Structure formats: structure tokens, C-alpha cells
């Protein structure tokens, strides 16, 4: 077992997690498994999946022409953060 992997490490005790992935994300299955594994340990996990988006879609904000989905993600993050 690779203990350095987030999927196989000790997931008890982290703060609440907001995970995001695109539905076209190469790591979508890993995000789902990570969310499930952390949830089993009692961690408060929210997994948001953005339809049709690839890996790191939120970095489009750096291009100066952010996607509508990027703005949606940033609003979601801003709304989620103060509640934690």
C-alpha cells in the first residue's frame, strides 16, 4: 500500500473538504474515491462535479478570459469558505 497516496493514507482528522472535478476530468474517479474514503472517516466532504469540464478547468481564470464555469466555481468557493 502506498501510504503517500491520499487514497491510502490516514484520512481521519482533516478539516472539511471542498473537492472539485470536471465530468471530463482524467482524475474524476480518484476524486470520487478520495471523497468516499474521507467521508468514511467522518470528514465533512463536498464533491462538486462540473459538467463537461477537463482537469484544472478553474485555471482558465489566469487567461484573462475566464469561463462561465470558472466564475461559478469561484463563487462556490467563496460561499463555502466562510462556513468552515
N, C-alpha and C. Protein backbone atom coordinates (compact mmCIF):
# COMPACT_ATOMS: atom_id res chain seq x y z
N UNK A 1 0.85 -1.18 0.00
CA UNK A 1 0.00 0.00 0.00
C UNK A 1 0.89 1.24 0.00
N UNK A 2 0.58 2.19 -0.86
CA UNK A 2 1.36 3.43 -0.96
C UNK A 2 0.80 4.47 0.01
N UNK A 3 1.39 4.58 1.18
CA UNK A 3 0.89 5.48 2.22
C UNK A 3 0.96 6.96 1.82
N UNK A 4 1.82 7.31 0.86
CA UNK A 4 1.90 8.70 0.43
C UNK A 4 0.72 9.08 -0.46
N UNK A 5 -0.03 8.11 -0.91
CA UNK A 5 -1.20 8.39 -1.74
C UNK A 5 -2.35 8.85 -0.85
N UNK A 6 -3.03 9.93 -1.23
CA UNK A 6 -4.18 10.38 -0.44
C UNK A 6 -5.27 9.32 -0.35
N UNK A 7 -5.33 8.43 -1.32
CA UNK A 7 -6.35 7.38 -1.30
C UNK A 7 -6.05 6.29 -0.28
N UNK A 8 -4.79 6.15 0.11
CA UNK A 8 -4.41 5.06 1.01
C UNK A 8 -3.84 5.54 2.34
N UNK A 9 -3.75 6.84 2.53
CA UNK A 9 -3.21 7.38 3.77
C UNK A 9 -4.29 7.48 4.84
N UNK A 10 -3.91 8.03 5.96
CA UNK A 10 -4.83 8.22 7.08
C UNK A 10 -5.65 9.49 6.82
N UNK A 11 -6.93 9.32 6.58
CA UNK A 11 -7.80 10.45 6.26
C UNK A 11 -8.63 10.90 7.45
N UNK A 12 -8.31 10.42 8.62
CA UNK A 12 -9.07 10.86 9.80
C UNK A 12 -8.50 12.18 10.31
N UNK A 13 -9.39 13.10 10.60
CA UNK A 13 -8.98 14.34 11.22
C UNK A 13 -8.75 15.56 10.35
N UNK A 14 -8.84 15.48 9.02
CA UNK A 14 -8.63 16.72 8.28
C UNK A 14 -9.83 17.65 8.42
N UNK A 15 -9.66 18.91 8.09
CA UNK A 15 -10.80 19.83 8.14
C UNK A 15 -11.78 19.49 7.02
N UNK A 16 -12.90 20.18 6.99
CA UNK A 16 -13.87 19.98 5.92
C UNK A 16 -13.20 20.19 4.57
N UNK A 17 -13.62 19.39 3.60
CA UNK A 17 -13.01 19.44 2.27
C UNK A 17 -14.03 19.81 1.22
N UNK A 18 -13.64 20.71 0.33
CA UNK A 18 -14.41 21.01 -0.87
C UNK A 18 -13.56 20.53 -2.04
N UNK A 19 -14.02 19.49 -2.70
CA UNK A 19 -13.30 18.94 -3.85
C UNK A 19 -14.06 19.31 -5.11
N UNK A 20 -13.32 19.63 -6.15
CA UNK A 20 -13.97 19.93 -7.41
C UNK A 20 -13.30 19.13 -8.51
N UNK A 21 -14.14 18.71 -9.46
CA UNK A 21 -13.64 17.97 -10.60
C UNK A 21 -14.59 18.22 -11.77
N UNK A 22 -14.06 18.11 -12.96
CA UNK A 22 -14.90 18.20 -14.14
C UNK A 22 -15.40 16.82 -14.52
N UNK A 23 -16.52 16.75 -15.18
CA UNK A 23 -17.05 15.44 -15.60
C UNK A 23 -16.17 14.82 -16.68
N UNK A 24 -15.35 15.64 -17.35
CA UNK A 24 -14.40 15.14 -18.34
C UNK A 24 -12.99 15.05 -17.74
N UNK A 25 -12.93 15.11 -16.44
CA UNK A 25 -11.68 15.10 -15.66
C UNK A 25 -11.02 13.74 -15.73
N UNK A 26 -9.73 13.71 -16.03
CA UNK A 26 -8.99 12.45 -16.08
C UNK A 26 -8.92 11.80 -14.69
N UNK A 27 -9.02 12.60 -13.64
CA UNK A 27 -8.93 12.08 -12.27
C UNK A 27 -10.29 12.04 -11.55
N UNK A 28 -11.37 12.06 -12.30
CA UNK A 28 -12.70 12.09 -11.69
C UNK A 28 -12.93 10.88 -10.78
N UNK A 29 -12.58 9.70 -11.23
CA UNK A 29 -12.77 8.51 -10.39
C UNK A 29 -11.95 8.60 -9.11
N UNK A 30 -10.73 9.14 -9.20
CA UNK A 30 -9.91 9.32 -8.00
C UNK A 30 -10.54 10.32 -7.04
N UNK A 31 -11.11 11.40 -7.58
CA UNK A 31 -11.78 12.38 -6.73
C UNK A 31 -12.96 11.74 -6.00
N UNK A 32 -13.71 10.93 -6.71
CA UNK A 32 -14.85 10.24 -6.08
C UNK A 32 -14.37 9.26 -5.00
N UNK A 33 -13.31 8.50 -5.29
CA UNK A 33 -12.79 7.55 -4.29
C UNK A 33 -12.23 8.28 -3.07
N UNK A 34 -11.53 9.39 -3.30
CA UNK A 34 -10.98 10.17 -2.20
C UNK A 34 -12.11 10.72 -1.33
N UNK A 35 -13.14 11.26 -1.96
CA UNK A 35 -14.28 11.80 -1.20
C UNK A 35 -14.94 10.70 -0.38
N UNK A 36 -15.13 9.54 -0.97
CA UNK A 36 -15.75 8.43 -0.25
C UNK A 36 -14.89 7.96 0.91
N UNK A 37 -13.58 7.85 0.69
CA UNK A 37 -12.67 7.39 1.75
C UNK A 37 -12.63 8.39 2.91
N UNK A 38 -12.61 9.68 2.61
CA UNK A 38 -12.59 10.69 3.68
C UNK A 38 -13.93 10.72 4.42
N UNK A 39 -15.02 10.53 3.70
CA UNK A 39 -16.34 10.52 4.33
C UNK A 39 -16.46 9.38 5.33
N UNK A 40 -15.92 8.23 4.99
CA UNK A 40 -15.97 7.07 5.89
C UNK A 40 -15.30 7.37 7.22
N UNK A 41 -14.28 8.22 7.22
CA UNK A 41 -13.58 8.56 8.47
C UNK A 41 -14.28 9.65 9.26
N UNK A 42 -15.40 10.17 8.72
CA UNK A 42 -16.15 11.21 9.41
C UNK A 42 -15.82 12.62 8.96
N UNK A 43 -14.97 12.75 7.97
CA UNK A 43 -14.63 14.07 7.45
C UNK A 43 -15.81 14.63 6.65
N UNK A 44 -16.09 15.91 6.84
CA UNK A 44 -17.13 16.59 6.08
C UNK A 44 -16.58 16.87 4.68
N UNK A 45 -17.12 16.17 3.67
CA UNK A 45 -16.62 16.28 2.31
C UNK A 45 -17.75 16.71 1.37
N UNK A 46 -17.43 17.69 0.53
CA UNK A 46 -18.33 18.09 -0.54
C UNK A 46 -17.57 17.91 -1.84
N UNK A 47 -18.15 17.15 -2.76
CA UNK A 47 -17.55 16.94 -4.08
C UNK A 47 -18.46 17.58 -5.12
N UNK A 48 -17.96 18.62 -5.77
CA UNK A 48 -18.70 19.29 -6.84
C UNK A 48 -18.13 18.81 -8.17
N UNK A 49 -19.00 18.37 -9.07
CA UNK A 49 -18.59 17.93 -10.39
C UNK A 49 -19.18 18.90 -11.41
N UNK A 50 -18.30 19.47 -12.23
CA UNK A 50 -18.68 20.48 -13.21
C UNK A 50 -18.80 19.82 -14.59
N UNK A 51 -20.00 19.88 -15.14
CA UNK A 51 -20.34 19.20 -16.37
C UNK A 51 -19.45 19.61 -17.55
N UNK A 52 -18.85 18.62 -18.19
CA UNK A 52 -18.07 18.84 -19.40
C UNK A 52 -16.69 19.44 -19.20
N UNK A 53 -16.30 19.70 -17.97
CA UNK A 53 -15.03 20.38 -17.72
C UNK A 53 -13.87 19.39 -17.60
N UNK A 54 -12.69 19.77 -18.13
CA UNK A 54 -11.49 18.93 -18.03
C UNK A 54 -10.72 19.22 -16.74
N UNK A 55 -9.60 18.56 -16.60
CA UNK A 55 -8.71 18.76 -15.46
C UNK A 55 -8.28 20.23 -15.38
N UNK A 56 -8.26 20.78 -14.20
CA UNK A 56 -7.83 22.16 -13.89
C UNK A 56 -8.59 23.24 -14.67
N UNK A 57 -9.86 22.99 -14.94
CA UNK A 57 -10.66 23.98 -15.68
C UNK A 57 -10.68 25.34 -14.99
N UNK A 58 -10.57 25.34 -13.67
CA UNK A 58 -10.64 26.60 -12.91
C UNK A 58 -9.45 27.51 -13.18
N UNK A 59 -8.37 26.99 -13.74
CA UNK A 59 -7.21 27.83 -14.05
C UNK A 59 -7.43 28.72 -15.26
N UNK A 60 -8.57 28.56 -15.94
CA UNK A 60 -8.89 29.44 -17.07
C UNK A 60 -8.96 30.89 -16.62
N UNK A 61 -9.14 31.12 -15.31
CA UNK A 61 -9.19 32.49 -14.81
C UNK A 61 -7.86 33.21 -15.03
N UNK A 62 -6.78 32.47 -15.16
CA UNK A 62 -5.47 33.08 -15.37
C UNK A 62 -5.29 33.61 -16.78
N UNK A 63 -6.14 33.18 -17.69
CA UNK A 63 -6.01 33.57 -19.10
C UNK A 63 -6.52 34.98 -19.36
N UNK A 64 -7.23 35.56 -18.40
CA UNK A 64 -7.83 36.86 -18.61
C UNK A 64 -9.20 36.77 -19.23
N UNK A 65 -9.57 35.59 -19.67
CA UNK A 65 -10.89 35.35 -20.25
C UNK A 65 -11.49 34.11 -19.58
N UNK A 66 -11.87 34.22 -18.31
CA UNK A 66 -12.35 33.05 -17.58
C UNK A 66 -13.65 32.50 -18.16
N UNK A 67 -13.80 31.21 -18.06
CA UNK A 67 -15.03 30.54 -18.46
C UNK A 67 -16.15 30.87 -17.48
N UNK A 68 -17.36 30.81 -17.92
CA UNK A 68 -18.51 30.99 -17.02
C UNK A 68 -18.42 29.98 -15.87
N UNK A 69 -18.00 28.77 -16.20
CA UNK A 69 -17.87 27.73 -15.17
C UNK A 69 -16.81 28.09 -14.15
N UNK A 70 -15.76 28.76 -14.57
CA UNK A 70 -14.72 29.19 -13.64
C UNK A 70 -15.29 30.20 -12.65
N UNK A 71 -16.07 31.14 -13.15
CA UNK A 71 -16.69 32.13 -12.26
C UNK A 71 -17.66 31.45 -11.29
N UNK A 72 -18.39 30.45 -11.78
CA UNK A 72 -19.30 29.69 -10.92
C UNK A 72 -18.52 29.00 -9.81
N UNK A 73 -17.41 28.38 -10.17
CA UNK A 73 -16.57 27.70 -9.17
C UNK A 73 -16.05 28.69 -8.13
N UNK A 74 -15.56 29.84 -8.58
CA UNK A 74 -15.01 30.82 -7.64
C UNK A 74 -16.08 31.34 -6.68
N UNK A 75 -17.31 31.57 -7.18
CA UNK A 75 -18.40 31.97 -6.29
C UNK A 75 -18.71 30.86 -5.29
N UNK A 76 -18.71 29.64 -5.75
CA UNK A 76 -18.97 28.48 -4.88
C UNK A 76 -17.92 28.40 -3.78
N UNK A 77 -16.66 28.55 -4.15
CA UNK A 77 -15.57 28.51 -3.17
C UNK A 77 -15.70 29.65 -2.17
N UNK A 78 -16.00 30.83 -2.65
CA UNK A 78 -16.16 31.99 -1.76
C UNK A 78 -17.33 31.79 -0.79
N UNK A 79 -18.42 31.21 -1.26
CA UNK A 79 -19.58 30.94 -0.40
C UNK A 79 -19.28 29.84 0.60
N UNK A 80 -18.54 28.82 0.20
CA UNK A 80 -18.27 27.66 1.04
C UNK A 80 -17.26 27.98 2.15
N UNK A 81 -16.25 28.78 1.85
CA UNK A 81 -15.13 29.03 2.77
C UNK A 81 -15.54 29.63 4.11
N UNK A 82 -16.35 30.69 4.18
CA UNK A 82 -16.67 31.27 5.49
C UNK A 82 -17.44 30.33 6.41
N UNK A 83 -18.12 29.37 5.84
CA UNK A 83 -18.90 28.44 6.67
C UNK A 83 -18.01 27.42 7.34
N UNK A 84 -16.75 27.40 7.01
CA UNK A 84 -15.83 26.43 7.60
C UNK A 84 -14.97 27.12 8.60
